[in-house]
N, C-alpha and C. Protein backbone atom coordinates (compact mmCIF):
# COMPACT_ATOMS: atom_id res chain seq x y z
N UNK A 1 -26.42 84.00 24.84
CA UNK A 1 -26.36 82.63 25.33
C UNK A 1 -27.54 81.81 24.83
N UNK A 2 -28.75 82.39 24.94
CA UNK A 2 -29.94 81.72 24.49
C UNK A 2 -29.86 81.42 23.00
N UNK A 3 -29.32 82.38 22.25
CA UNK A 3 -29.21 82.21 20.80
C UNK A 3 -28.31 81.02 20.47
N UNK A 4 -27.20 80.89 21.19
CA UNK A 4 -26.30 79.76 20.94
C UNK A 4 -26.96 78.42 21.25
N UNK A 5 -27.75 78.40 22.35
CA UNK A 5 -28.46 77.18 22.70
C UNK A 5 -29.46 76.81 21.64
N UNK A 6 -30.20 77.79 21.15
CA UNK A 6 -31.19 77.55 20.08
C UNK A 6 -30.52 77.08 18.79
N UNK A 7 -29.41 77.72 18.44
CA UNK A 7 -28.71 77.35 17.20
C UNK A 7 -28.20 75.91 17.33
N UNK A 8 -27.68 75.56 18.50
CA UNK A 8 -27.19 74.19 18.71
C UNK A 8 -28.29 73.17 18.61
N UNK A 9 -29.46 73.49 19.21
CA UNK A 9 -30.61 72.58 19.16
C UNK A 9 -31.10 72.38 17.73
N UNK A 10 -31.18 73.51 17.00
CA UNK A 10 -31.65 73.44 15.60
C UNK A 10 -30.67 72.61 14.77
N UNK A 11 -29.37 72.82 14.97
CA UNK A 11 -28.38 72.06 14.22
C UNK A 11 -28.49 70.56 14.48
N UNK A 12 -28.77 70.17 15.72
CA UNK A 12 -28.93 68.76 16.03
C UNK A 12 -30.16 68.18 15.34
N UNK A 13 -31.26 68.94 15.34
CA UNK A 13 -32.47 68.46 14.68
C UNK A 13 -32.23 68.30 13.18
N UNK A 14 -31.58 69.27 12.55
CA UNK A 14 -31.30 69.22 11.13
C UNK A 14 -30.43 68.03 10.81
N UNK A 15 -29.39 67.81 11.64
CA UNK A 15 -28.49 66.69 11.41
C UNK A 15 -29.21 65.34 11.49
N UNK A 16 -30.09 65.24 12.51
CA UNK A 16 -30.85 63.97 12.66
C UNK A 16 -31.79 63.77 11.48
N UNK A 17 -32.45 64.85 11.04
CA UNK A 17 -33.37 64.71 9.91
C UNK A 17 -32.59 64.34 8.64
N UNK A 18 -31.40 64.91 8.48
CA UNK A 18 -30.60 64.58 7.30
C UNK A 18 -30.17 63.13 7.31
N UNK A 19 -29.79 62.62 8.48
CA UNK A 19 -29.42 61.21 8.61
C UNK A 19 -30.60 60.31 8.30
N UNK A 20 -31.79 60.72 8.83
CA UNK A 20 -33.01 59.93 8.55
C UNK A 20 -33.30 59.92 7.05
N UNK A 21 -33.14 61.06 6.43
CA UNK A 21 -33.40 61.19 4.98
C UNK A 21 -32.43 60.36 4.17
N UNK A 22 -31.15 60.38 4.57
CA UNK A 22 -30.16 59.55 3.88
C UNK A 22 -30.50 58.07 3.97
N UNK A 23 -30.90 57.63 5.17
CA UNK A 23 -31.24 56.21 5.35
C UNK A 23 -32.49 55.86 4.54
N UNK A 24 -33.49 56.73 4.54
CA UNK A 24 -34.71 56.46 3.81
C UNK A 24 -34.47 56.40 2.29
N UNK A 25 -33.47 57.14 1.80
CA UNK A 25 -33.17 57.19 0.39
C UNK A 25 -32.24 56.08 -0.09
N UNK A 26 -31.69 55.31 0.86
CA UNK A 26 -30.76 54.24 0.50
C UNK A 26 -31.48 53.15 -0.29
N UNK A 27 -30.71 52.42 -1.08
CA UNK A 27 -31.25 51.29 -1.82
C UNK A 27 -31.08 50.01 -0.99
N UNK A 28 -32.19 49.31 -0.80
CA UNK A 28 -32.18 48.01 -0.12
C UNK A 28 -32.97 47.00 -0.93
N UNK A 29 -33.02 45.77 -0.47
CA UNK A 29 -33.75 44.74 -1.19
C UNK A 29 -35.24 45.04 -1.29
N UNK A 30 -35.76 45.84 -0.36
CA UNK A 30 -37.18 46.09 -0.29
C UNK A 30 -37.63 47.35 -1.03
N UNK A 31 -36.70 48.10 -1.60
CA UNK A 31 -37.04 49.33 -2.30
C UNK A 31 -37.26 49.02 -3.79
N UNK A 32 -38.03 49.89 -4.48
CA UNK A 32 -38.24 49.68 -5.92
C UNK A 32 -36.95 49.58 -6.70
N UNK A 33 -35.97 50.40 -6.33
CA UNK A 33 -34.67 50.37 -7.04
C UNK A 33 -33.94 49.04 -6.77
N UNK A 34 -34.01 48.58 -5.53
CA UNK A 34 -33.37 47.33 -5.18
C UNK A 34 -33.94 46.13 -5.92
N UNK A 35 -35.24 46.18 -6.21
CA UNK A 35 -35.88 45.07 -6.91
C UNK A 35 -35.49 45.01 -8.39
N UNK A 36 -34.83 46.03 -8.88
CA UNK A 36 -34.35 46.01 -10.27
C UNK A 36 -33.10 45.16 -10.45
N UNK A 37 -32.39 44.88 -9.35
CA UNK A 37 -31.15 44.12 -9.44
C UNK A 37 -31.41 42.66 -9.75
N UNK A 38 -30.46 42.00 -10.39
CA UNK A 38 -30.58 40.56 -10.62
C UNK A 38 -30.70 39.83 -9.30
N UNK A 39 -29.98 40.30 -8.30
CA UNK A 39 -30.11 39.79 -6.93
C UNK A 39 -29.64 40.88 -6.00
N UNK A 40 -30.36 41.05 -4.90
CA UNK A 40 -30.02 42.05 -3.88
C UNK A 40 -30.28 41.40 -2.54
N UNK A 41 -29.21 41.08 -1.81
CA UNK A 41 -29.33 40.26 -0.63
C UNK A 41 -29.96 40.94 0.58
N UNK A 42 -30.43 40.11 1.50
CA UNK A 42 -30.98 40.57 2.75
C UNK A 42 -29.93 41.31 3.58
N UNK A 43 -30.33 42.45 4.13
CA UNK A 43 -29.43 43.20 4.97
C UNK A 43 -28.41 44.05 4.22
N UNK A 44 -28.48 44.07 2.91
CA UNK A 44 -27.54 44.87 2.11
C UNK A 44 -28.08 46.25 1.85
N UNK A 45 -27.18 47.18 1.51
CA UNK A 45 -27.57 48.58 1.38
C UNK A 45 -26.59 49.31 0.48
N UNK A 46 -27.13 50.18 -0.38
CA UNK A 46 -26.31 51.14 -1.12
C UNK A 46 -26.67 52.50 -0.57
N UNK A 47 -25.69 53.14 0.03
CA UNK A 47 -25.94 54.43 0.72
C UNK A 47 -26.25 55.54 -0.27
N UNK A 48 -27.04 56.49 0.18
CA UNK A 48 -27.38 57.66 -0.60
C UNK A 48 -26.48 58.82 -0.17
N UNK A 49 -26.04 59.68 -1.06
CA UNK A 49 -26.31 59.69 -2.49
C UNK A 49 -25.34 58.80 -3.27
N UNK A 50 -25.79 58.34 -4.43
CA UNK A 50 -24.91 57.59 -5.32
C UNK A 50 -24.65 58.43 -6.55
N UNK A 51 -23.63 58.07 -7.31
CA UNK A 51 -23.27 58.83 -8.50
C UNK A 51 -23.97 58.29 -9.73
N UNK A 52 -23.72 57.04 -10.05
CA UNK A 52 -24.29 56.40 -11.24
C UNK A 52 -24.59 54.94 -10.93
N UNK A 53 -25.81 54.52 -11.23
CA UNK A 53 -26.17 53.11 -11.15
C UNK A 53 -27.06 52.80 -12.33
N UNK A 54 -26.65 51.84 -13.17
CA UNK A 54 -27.54 51.45 -14.25
C UNK A 54 -27.31 50.00 -14.67
N UNK A 55 -28.34 49.50 -15.43
CA UNK A 55 -28.39 48.09 -15.84
C UNK A 55 -28.28 47.16 -14.63
N UNK A 56 -29.08 47.48 -13.63
CA UNK A 56 -29.05 46.72 -12.39
C UNK A 56 -29.39 45.24 -12.57
N UNK A 57 -30.15 44.91 -13.62
CA UNK A 57 -30.54 43.52 -13.83
C UNK A 57 -29.37 42.63 -14.22
N UNK A 58 -28.18 43.22 -14.43
CA UNK A 58 -26.96 42.46 -14.67
C UNK A 58 -26.04 42.45 -13.44
N UNK A 59 -26.54 42.92 -12.31
CA UNK A 59 -25.70 43.07 -11.11
C UNK A 59 -26.30 42.27 -9.95
N UNK A 60 -25.45 41.50 -9.26
CA UNK A 60 -25.85 40.74 -8.08
C UNK A 60 -25.09 41.24 -6.85
N UNK A 61 -25.81 41.45 -5.76
CA UNK A 61 -25.25 41.84 -4.48
C UNK A 61 -25.68 40.83 -3.44
N UNK A 62 -24.73 40.30 -2.67
CA UNK A 62 -25.02 39.28 -1.68
C UNK A 62 -25.67 39.84 -0.42
N UNK A 63 -25.65 39.07 0.63
CA UNK A 63 -26.28 39.44 1.91
C UNK A 63 -25.34 40.28 2.77
N UNK A 64 -25.93 41.19 3.53
CA UNK A 64 -25.18 41.96 4.54
C UNK A 64 -23.98 42.69 3.94
N UNK A 65 -24.17 43.24 2.76
CA UNK A 65 -23.12 43.99 2.08
C UNK A 65 -23.50 45.46 2.03
N UNK A 66 -22.52 46.33 2.19
CA UNK A 66 -22.80 47.77 2.15
C UNK A 66 -21.89 48.46 1.14
N UNK A 67 -22.48 49.25 0.28
CA UNK A 67 -21.75 50.12 -0.62
C UNK A 67 -21.94 51.55 -0.13
N UNK A 68 -20.84 52.26 0.12
CA UNK A 68 -20.89 53.59 0.69
C UNK A 68 -21.45 54.62 -0.26
N UNK A 69 -21.60 55.88 0.21
CA UNK A 69 -22.16 56.93 -0.64
C UNK A 69 -21.22 57.29 -1.80
N UNK A 70 -21.80 57.96 -2.79
CA UNK A 70 -21.09 58.46 -3.96
C UNK A 70 -20.47 57.32 -4.76
N UNK A 71 -21.20 56.21 -4.84
CA UNK A 71 -20.75 55.04 -5.57
C UNK A 71 -21.15 55.14 -7.04
N UNK A 72 -20.26 54.64 -7.94
CA UNK A 72 -20.63 54.39 -9.33
C UNK A 72 -20.65 52.88 -9.54
N UNK A 73 -21.78 52.34 -9.99
CA UNK A 73 -21.95 50.89 -10.13
C UNK A 73 -22.72 50.65 -11.42
N UNK A 74 -22.09 49.96 -12.36
CA UNK A 74 -22.77 49.81 -13.67
C UNK A 74 -22.33 48.54 -14.38
N UNK A 75 -23.21 48.10 -15.29
CA UNK A 75 -22.93 46.98 -16.18
C UNK A 75 -23.16 47.46 -17.60
N UNK A 76 -22.14 47.36 -18.45
CA UNK A 76 -22.28 47.85 -19.81
C UNK A 76 -21.86 49.29 -19.95
N UNK A 77 -21.85 49.72 -21.20
CA UNK A 77 -21.37 51.08 -21.51
C UNK A 77 -22.38 52.18 -21.23
N UNK A 78 -23.65 51.82 -21.38
CA UNK A 78 -24.70 52.84 -21.23
C UNK A 78 -26.00 52.20 -20.74
N UNK A 79 -26.90 52.97 -20.16
CA UNK A 79 -28.19 52.40 -19.72
C UNK A 79 -28.93 51.74 -20.86
N UNK A 80 -29.52 50.60 -20.57
CA UNK A 80 -30.30 49.89 -21.57
C UNK A 80 -29.52 48.95 -22.46
N UNK A 81 -28.21 48.94 -22.35
CA UNK A 81 -27.40 48.07 -23.17
C UNK A 81 -27.61 46.61 -22.81
N UNK A 82 -27.65 45.75 -23.82
CA UNK A 82 -27.72 44.31 -23.59
C UNK A 82 -26.31 43.75 -23.46
N UNK A 83 -26.04 43.09 -22.34
CA UNK A 83 -24.71 42.53 -22.08
C UNK A 83 -24.68 41.06 -22.50
N UNK A 84 -23.48 40.55 -22.78
CA UNK A 84 -23.35 39.17 -23.28
C UNK A 84 -23.24 38.18 -22.15
N UNK A 85 -23.00 38.63 -20.92
CA UNK A 85 -22.94 37.73 -19.77
C UNK A 85 -23.88 38.23 -18.69
N UNK A 86 -24.27 37.31 -17.80
CA UNK A 86 -25.13 37.70 -16.69
C UNK A 86 -24.85 36.75 -15.50
N UNK A 87 -24.52 37.25 -14.34
CA UNK A 87 -24.35 38.69 -14.05
C UNK A 87 -23.03 39.22 -14.62
N UNK A 88 -22.99 40.50 -14.85
CA UNK A 88 -21.77 41.17 -15.25
C UNK A 88 -20.95 41.49 -14.00
N UNK A 89 -21.63 41.97 -12.97
CA UNK A 89 -20.99 42.32 -11.71
C UNK A 89 -21.61 41.47 -10.61
N UNK A 90 -20.75 40.81 -9.86
CA UNK A 90 -21.26 40.05 -8.69
C UNK A 90 -20.43 40.45 -7.47
N UNK A 91 -21.13 40.90 -6.42
CA UNK A 91 -20.49 41.26 -5.15
C UNK A 91 -21.02 40.31 -4.10
N UNK A 92 -20.14 39.68 -3.34
CA UNK A 92 -20.54 38.63 -2.43
C UNK A 92 -21.17 39.11 -1.12
N UNK A 93 -21.18 38.22 -0.14
CA UNK A 93 -21.77 38.50 1.17
C UNK A 93 -20.78 39.27 2.05
N UNK A 94 -21.33 40.11 2.92
CA UNK A 94 -20.56 40.80 3.98
C UNK A 94 -19.43 41.65 3.42
N UNK A 95 -19.65 42.22 2.27
CA UNK A 95 -18.62 43.11 1.67
C UNK A 95 -18.88 44.54 2.11
N UNK A 96 -17.84 45.35 2.05
CA UNK A 96 -17.94 46.76 2.32
C UNK A 96 -17.12 47.51 1.26
N UNK A 97 -17.81 48.28 0.46
CA UNK A 97 -17.17 49.06 -0.62
C UNK A 97 -17.16 50.52 -0.17
N UNK A 98 -15.97 51.12 -0.09
CA UNK A 98 -15.81 52.45 0.47
C UNK A 98 -16.44 53.56 -0.39
N UNK A 99 -16.71 54.67 0.29
CA UNK A 99 -17.35 55.81 -0.39
C UNK A 99 -16.51 56.26 -1.58
N UNK A 100 -17.24 56.76 -2.60
CA UNK A 100 -16.58 57.30 -3.78
C UNK A 100 -15.95 56.27 -4.70
N UNK A 101 -16.24 55.00 -4.49
CA UNK A 101 -15.64 53.95 -5.31
C UNK A 101 -16.45 53.72 -6.59
N UNK A 102 -15.82 53.09 -7.56
CA UNK A 102 -16.48 52.78 -8.82
C UNK A 102 -16.26 51.31 -9.21
N UNK A 103 -17.34 50.64 -9.55
CA UNK A 103 -17.26 49.27 -10.07
C UNK A 103 -17.97 49.29 -11.42
N UNK A 104 -17.17 49.22 -12.48
CA UNK A 104 -17.69 49.40 -13.83
C UNK A 104 -17.40 48.14 -14.65
N UNK A 105 -18.43 47.31 -14.84
CA UNK A 105 -18.27 46.04 -15.53
C UNK A 105 -18.84 46.04 -16.94
N UNK A 106 -18.22 45.26 -17.81
CA UNK A 106 -18.72 45.04 -19.15
C UNK A 106 -18.84 43.56 -19.50
N UNK A 107 -18.00 42.74 -18.88
CA UNK A 107 -18.00 41.30 -19.13
C UNK A 107 -18.17 40.51 -17.84
N UNK A 108 -17.24 40.64 -16.91
CA UNK A 108 -17.36 39.88 -15.66
C UNK A 108 -16.44 40.45 -14.59
N UNK A 109 -17.04 40.92 -13.50
CA UNK A 109 -16.32 41.30 -12.29
C UNK A 109 -16.90 40.48 -11.17
N UNK A 110 -16.08 39.65 -10.55
CA UNK A 110 -16.55 38.77 -9.47
C UNK A 110 -15.79 39.11 -8.20
N UNK A 111 -16.53 39.65 -7.22
CA UNK A 111 -15.95 40.04 -5.94
C UNK A 111 -16.48 39.06 -4.90
N UNK A 112 -15.58 38.36 -4.20
CA UNK A 112 -15.97 37.29 -3.31
C UNK A 112 -16.61 37.79 -2.02
N UNK A 113 -16.74 36.91 -1.06
CA UNK A 113 -17.33 37.24 0.23
C UNK A 113 -16.31 37.95 1.13
N UNK A 114 -16.79 38.79 2.01
CA UNK A 114 -15.97 39.44 3.05
C UNK A 114 -14.84 40.29 2.46
N UNK A 115 -15.08 40.88 1.30
CA UNK A 115 -14.09 41.79 0.71
C UNK A 115 -14.39 43.21 1.15
N UNK A 116 -13.42 43.91 1.68
CA UNK A 116 -13.58 45.27 2.10
C UNK A 116 -12.63 46.15 1.32
N UNK A 117 -13.07 47.40 1.06
CA UNK A 117 -12.20 48.36 0.38
C UNK A 117 -12.21 49.69 1.13
N UNK A 118 -11.14 50.43 0.95
CA UNK A 118 -11.12 51.82 1.41
C UNK A 118 -11.90 52.70 0.45
N UNK A 119 -11.80 54.02 0.68
CA UNK A 119 -12.51 54.96 -0.19
C UNK A 119 -11.84 55.06 -1.57
N UNK A 120 -12.67 55.44 -2.55
CA UNK A 120 -12.17 55.82 -3.89
C UNK A 120 -11.39 54.70 -4.57
N UNK A 121 -11.91 53.49 -4.46
CA UNK A 121 -11.35 52.34 -5.17
C UNK A 121 -12.06 52.21 -6.51
N UNK A 122 -11.30 51.86 -7.58
CA UNK A 122 -11.90 51.73 -8.92
C UNK A 122 -11.59 50.34 -9.47
N UNK A 123 -12.64 49.64 -9.89
CA UNK A 123 -12.51 48.27 -10.41
C UNK A 123 -13.21 48.21 -11.77
N UNK A 124 -12.50 47.76 -12.81
CA UNK A 124 -13.11 47.69 -14.12
C UNK A 124 -12.52 46.51 -14.90
N UNK A 125 -13.30 45.99 -15.86
CA UNK A 125 -12.82 44.90 -16.72
C UNK A 125 -12.63 45.37 -18.16
N UNK A 126 -12.63 46.68 -18.40
CA UNK A 126 -12.38 47.18 -19.74
C UNK A 126 -11.55 48.47 -19.64
N UNK A 127 -10.67 48.65 -20.62
CA UNK A 127 -9.82 49.83 -20.63
C UNK A 127 -9.83 50.46 -22.00
N UNK A 128 -9.29 51.66 -22.15
CA UNK A 128 -9.18 52.32 -23.42
C UNK A 128 -7.87 51.94 -24.10
N UNK A 129 -7.90 51.85 -25.42
CA UNK A 129 -6.67 51.68 -26.16
C UNK A 129 -6.08 53.05 -26.53
N UNK A 130 -4.86 53.03 -27.00
CA UNK A 130 -4.19 54.27 -27.40
C UNK A 130 -3.35 54.07 -28.66
N UNK A 131 -3.33 52.83 -29.20
CA UNK A 131 -2.38 52.48 -30.24
C UNK A 131 -2.60 53.22 -31.54
N UNK A 132 -3.84 53.49 -31.91
CA UNK A 132 -4.15 54.18 -33.18
C UNK A 132 -4.04 55.67 -32.97
N UNK A 133 -2.96 56.28 -33.47
CA UNK A 133 -2.72 57.70 -33.22
C UNK A 133 -3.63 58.60 -34.07
N UNK A 134 -4.41 58.00 -34.99
CA UNK A 134 -5.31 58.81 -35.82
C UNK A 134 -6.69 58.95 -35.18
N UNK A 135 -6.93 58.25 -34.08
CA UNK A 135 -8.21 58.30 -33.41
C UNK A 135 -8.05 58.74 -31.97
N UNK A 136 -9.01 59.50 -31.45
CA UNK A 136 -8.93 59.86 -30.03
C UNK A 136 -8.94 58.63 -29.15
N UNK A 137 -8.23 58.68 -28.04
CA UNK A 137 -8.22 57.55 -27.10
C UNK A 137 -9.62 57.23 -26.61
N UNK A 138 -10.47 58.24 -26.48
CA UNK A 138 -11.84 58.00 -26.01
C UNK A 138 -12.64 57.11 -26.95
N UNK A 139 -12.22 57.00 -28.22
CA UNK A 139 -12.93 56.19 -29.19
C UNK A 139 -12.32 54.81 -29.39
N UNK A 140 -11.29 54.51 -28.62
CA UNK A 140 -10.61 53.22 -28.73
C UNK A 140 -10.87 52.40 -27.45
N UNK A 141 -11.25 51.17 -27.65
CA UNK A 141 -11.43 50.24 -26.50
C UNK A 141 -10.61 48.98 -26.72
N UNK A 142 -10.31 48.33 -25.66
CA UNK A 142 -9.62 47.05 -25.69
C UNK A 142 -10.60 45.95 -25.30
N UNK A 143 -10.32 44.69 -25.68
CA UNK A 143 -11.23 43.60 -25.29
C UNK A 143 -11.40 43.52 -23.78
N UNK A 144 -12.64 43.23 -23.37
CA UNK A 144 -12.88 43.06 -21.93
C UNK A 144 -12.16 41.83 -21.42
N UNK A 145 -11.68 41.90 -20.18
CA UNK A 145 -11.05 40.76 -19.52
C UNK A 145 -11.55 40.67 -18.09
N UNK A 146 -11.98 39.51 -17.72
CA UNK A 146 -12.64 39.31 -16.44
C UNK A 146 -11.72 39.66 -15.28
N UNK A 147 -12.35 40.14 -14.19
CA UNK A 147 -11.66 40.49 -12.95
C UNK A 147 -12.21 39.61 -11.83
N UNK A 148 -11.33 39.06 -11.02
CA UNK A 148 -11.75 38.23 -9.88
C UNK A 148 -11.03 38.72 -8.62
N UNK A 149 -11.80 38.90 -7.54
CA UNK A 149 -11.23 39.28 -6.24
C UNK A 149 -11.69 38.22 -5.25
N UNK A 150 -10.74 37.56 -4.61
CA UNK A 150 -11.06 36.42 -3.75
C UNK A 150 -11.60 36.82 -2.38
N UNK A 151 -12.13 35.82 -1.68
CA UNK A 151 -12.75 36.02 -0.37
C UNK A 151 -11.78 36.64 0.64
N UNK A 152 -12.30 37.51 1.46
CA UNK A 152 -11.57 38.02 2.61
C UNK A 152 -10.46 38.98 2.29
N UNK A 153 -10.43 39.54 1.11
CA UNK A 153 -9.34 40.44 0.73
C UNK A 153 -9.68 41.88 1.11
N UNK A 154 -8.62 42.70 1.11
CA UNK A 154 -8.74 44.11 1.48
C UNK A 154 -8.04 44.94 0.42
N UNK A 155 -8.72 45.98 -0.10
CA UNK A 155 -8.12 46.92 -1.05
C UNK A 155 -8.03 48.27 -0.39
N UNK A 156 -6.81 48.78 -0.23
CA UNK A 156 -6.63 50.08 0.42
C UNK A 156 -7.20 51.21 -0.41
N UNK A 157 -7.36 52.35 0.23
CA UNK A 157 -7.94 53.55 -0.43
C UNK A 157 -7.19 53.89 -1.71
N UNK A 158 -7.94 54.21 -2.73
CA UNK A 158 -7.36 54.65 -3.99
C UNK A 158 -6.83 53.54 -4.87
N UNK A 159 -7.04 52.28 -4.50
CA UNK A 159 -6.59 51.15 -5.33
C UNK A 159 -7.36 51.12 -6.65
N UNK A 160 -6.63 50.80 -7.72
CA UNK A 160 -7.22 50.63 -9.05
C UNK A 160 -7.00 49.17 -9.46
N UNK A 161 -8.08 48.49 -9.85
CA UNK A 161 -7.99 47.10 -10.35
C UNK A 161 -8.37 47.11 -11.82
N UNK A 162 -7.43 46.72 -12.68
CA UNK A 162 -7.61 46.84 -14.12
C UNK A 162 -7.99 45.50 -14.75
N UNK A 163 -8.44 45.53 -16.03
CA UNK A 163 -8.91 44.33 -16.69
C UNK A 163 -7.91 43.18 -16.63
N UNK A 164 -8.44 41.99 -16.41
CA UNK A 164 -7.62 40.78 -16.36
C UNK A 164 -6.99 40.49 -15.02
N UNK A 165 -7.16 41.36 -14.06
CA UNK A 165 -6.53 41.17 -12.75
C UNK A 165 -7.26 40.05 -11.97
N UNK A 166 -6.48 39.27 -11.28
CA UNK A 166 -7.00 38.23 -10.39
C UNK A 166 -6.33 38.42 -9.03
N UNK A 167 -7.13 38.69 -8.02
CA UNK A 167 -6.63 38.87 -6.67
C UNK A 167 -7.12 37.65 -5.86
N UNK A 168 -6.20 36.96 -5.23
CA UNK A 168 -6.56 35.75 -4.50
C UNK A 168 -7.33 36.03 -3.21
N UNK A 169 -7.47 35.00 -2.40
CA UNK A 169 -8.15 35.13 -1.11
C UNK A 169 -7.18 35.65 -0.05
N UNK A 170 -7.70 36.44 0.89
CA UNK A 170 -6.93 36.98 2.00
C UNK A 170 -5.70 37.73 1.50
N UNK A 171 -5.93 38.64 0.58
CA UNK A 171 -4.87 39.48 0.03
C UNK A 171 -5.07 40.90 0.51
N UNK A 172 -4.00 41.53 0.99
CA UNK A 172 -4.03 42.94 1.38
C UNK A 172 -3.31 43.75 0.31
N UNK A 173 -4.02 44.70 -0.30
CA UNK A 173 -3.46 45.57 -1.33
C UNK A 173 -3.30 46.96 -0.75
N UNK A 174 -2.09 47.48 -0.79
CA UNK A 174 -1.81 48.78 -0.19
C UNK A 174 -2.49 49.92 -0.91
N UNK A 175 -2.68 51.03 -0.20
CA UNK A 175 -3.36 52.22 -0.74
C UNK A 175 -2.68 52.70 -2.02
N UNK A 176 -3.52 53.14 -2.98
CA UNK A 176 -3.05 53.75 -4.24
C UNK A 176 -2.29 52.79 -5.13
N UNK A 177 -2.46 51.49 -4.90
CA UNK A 177 -1.84 50.48 -5.76
C UNK A 177 -2.66 50.31 -7.05
N UNK A 178 -1.99 49.82 -8.10
CA UNK A 178 -2.66 49.52 -9.37
C UNK A 178 -2.43 48.03 -9.65
N UNK A 179 -3.51 47.25 -9.63
CA UNK A 179 -3.40 45.82 -9.82
C UNK A 179 -3.68 45.51 -11.28
N UNK A 180 -2.70 44.90 -11.94
CA UNK A 180 -2.82 44.61 -13.38
C UNK A 180 -2.76 43.13 -13.70
N UNK A 181 -2.22 42.31 -12.79
CA UNK A 181 -2.02 40.89 -13.08
C UNK A 181 -2.61 40.04 -11.98
N UNK A 182 -1.88 38.96 -11.66
CA UNK A 182 -2.36 37.98 -10.69
C UNK A 182 -1.65 38.15 -9.35
N UNK A 183 -2.42 38.21 -8.26
CA UNK A 183 -1.89 38.23 -6.91
C UNK A 183 -2.33 36.95 -6.23
N UNK A 184 -1.40 36.13 -5.72
CA UNK A 184 -1.77 34.82 -5.16
C UNK A 184 -2.48 34.97 -3.82
N UNK A 185 -3.04 33.88 -3.36
CA UNK A 185 -3.68 33.86 -2.04
C UNK A 185 -2.67 34.24 -0.96
N UNK A 186 -3.16 34.82 0.12
CA UNK A 186 -2.38 35.09 1.33
C UNK A 186 -1.08 35.86 1.02
N UNK A 187 -1.27 37.06 0.52
CA UNK A 187 -0.10 37.90 0.25
C UNK A 187 -0.43 39.34 0.55
N UNK A 188 0.63 40.17 0.59
CA UNK A 188 0.51 41.63 0.69
C UNK A 188 1.17 42.20 -0.57
N UNK A 189 0.47 43.11 -1.24
CA UNK A 189 0.98 43.71 -2.46
C UNK A 189 0.82 45.21 -2.43
N UNK A 190 1.81 45.92 -2.98
CA UNK A 190 1.75 47.40 -3.04
C UNK A 190 2.37 47.86 -4.34
N UNK A 191 2.04 49.12 -4.70
CA UNK A 191 2.72 49.74 -5.81
C UNK A 191 1.91 49.81 -7.09
N UNK A 192 2.52 50.45 -8.10
CA UNK A 192 1.90 50.59 -9.40
C UNK A 192 2.93 50.26 -10.48
N UNK A 193 2.88 49.06 -11.05
CA UNK A 193 1.89 48.02 -10.78
C UNK A 193 2.16 47.32 -9.43
N UNK A 194 1.12 46.74 -8.88
CA UNK A 194 1.24 46.11 -7.55
C UNK A 194 2.18 44.91 -7.62
N UNK A 195 3.09 44.85 -6.63
CA UNK A 195 4.04 43.74 -6.49
C UNK A 195 3.89 43.10 -5.12
N UNK A 196 4.07 41.81 -5.07
CA UNK A 196 3.94 41.09 -3.79
C UNK A 196 5.19 41.36 -2.95
N UNK A 197 4.95 41.85 -1.72
CA UNK A 197 6.07 42.10 -0.82
C UNK A 197 6.09 41.14 0.36
N UNK A 198 4.98 40.45 0.63
CA UNK A 198 4.94 39.47 1.70
C UNK A 198 4.02 38.31 1.27
N UNK A 199 4.38 37.11 1.74
CA UNK A 199 3.53 35.95 1.53
C UNK A 199 3.44 35.16 2.83
N UNK A 200 2.35 34.43 2.96
CA UNK A 200 2.15 33.64 4.17
C UNK A 200 2.63 32.20 3.95
N UNK A 201 3.43 31.74 4.89
CA UNK A 201 3.90 30.37 4.87
C UNK A 201 3.34 29.66 6.11
N UNK A 202 2.67 28.51 5.93
CA UNK A 202 2.06 27.84 7.08
C UNK A 202 3.07 27.50 8.19
N UNK A 203 4.32 27.30 7.83
CA UNK A 203 5.32 26.94 8.82
C UNK A 203 5.94 28.15 9.52
N UNK A 204 6.19 29.20 8.74
CA UNK A 204 6.94 30.35 9.31
C UNK A 204 6.14 31.64 9.39
N UNK A 205 4.86 31.60 8.98
CA UNK A 205 4.01 32.79 9.04
C UNK A 205 4.31 33.75 7.88
N UNK A 206 4.05 35.03 8.13
CA UNK A 206 4.22 36.03 7.08
C UNK A 206 5.71 36.36 6.89
N UNK A 207 6.16 36.25 5.66
CA UNK A 207 7.56 36.47 5.32
C UNK A 207 7.68 37.39 4.12
N UNK A 208 8.67 38.30 4.14
CA UNK A 208 8.89 39.15 2.97
C UNK A 208 9.39 38.32 1.80
N UNK A 209 9.01 38.71 0.59
CA UNK A 209 9.51 38.01 -0.58
C UNK A 209 10.99 38.34 -0.75
N UNK A 210 11.68 37.52 -1.54
CA UNK A 210 13.14 37.68 -1.70
C UNK A 210 13.52 39.06 -2.11
N UNK A 211 12.74 39.68 -2.96
CA UNK A 211 13.07 41.02 -3.47
C UNK A 211 13.06 42.08 -2.37
N UNK A 212 12.27 41.82 -1.29
CA UNK A 212 12.13 42.84 -0.25
C UNK A 212 12.70 42.41 1.09
N UNK A 213 13.57 41.42 1.09
CA UNK A 213 14.21 41.00 2.33
C UNK A 213 15.28 42.01 2.78
């Protein structure tokens, strides 16, 4: 009985110390790593551990935004690369990016205010080509195309946002969807590729689109 009590007490101490260590290792505006960013807002945090973060001076993060653990966040193809635009990645105020997500920018990814995502969401403005069968796909790239995500939108777990996608304001994207084109303001979209299944009408509220009536 005493052994169980001691083991429980030790486990609680270890858990608290681990939580303290995780918080101390997080990136905030006041940490040396946070000061490398082009902008890092007050009250914002990147949780520890993270996977990959580089070229921070091309990345802006607004106020009161949290990026969960195991995040990949980058601008450009490799550390030290000079990018043609600045910022390459902009994340607005009061955003929440779920654990295990990746935001990989090369030209322009603009995420508005109050955007939340589930876990393991991937957002990029560049993709690989496949057209030349004499070269490996890994050696082929397509032109970068800007990505925009409007204010107040939600991306469900596992969502992928590909180059050229524009997601309007107050858009709900279902889990595991793949966004390749334009989603208008005030809609619900699901699938791969994502299709609009509901839209908001000021007179009648949320209504299914004709295809899904």
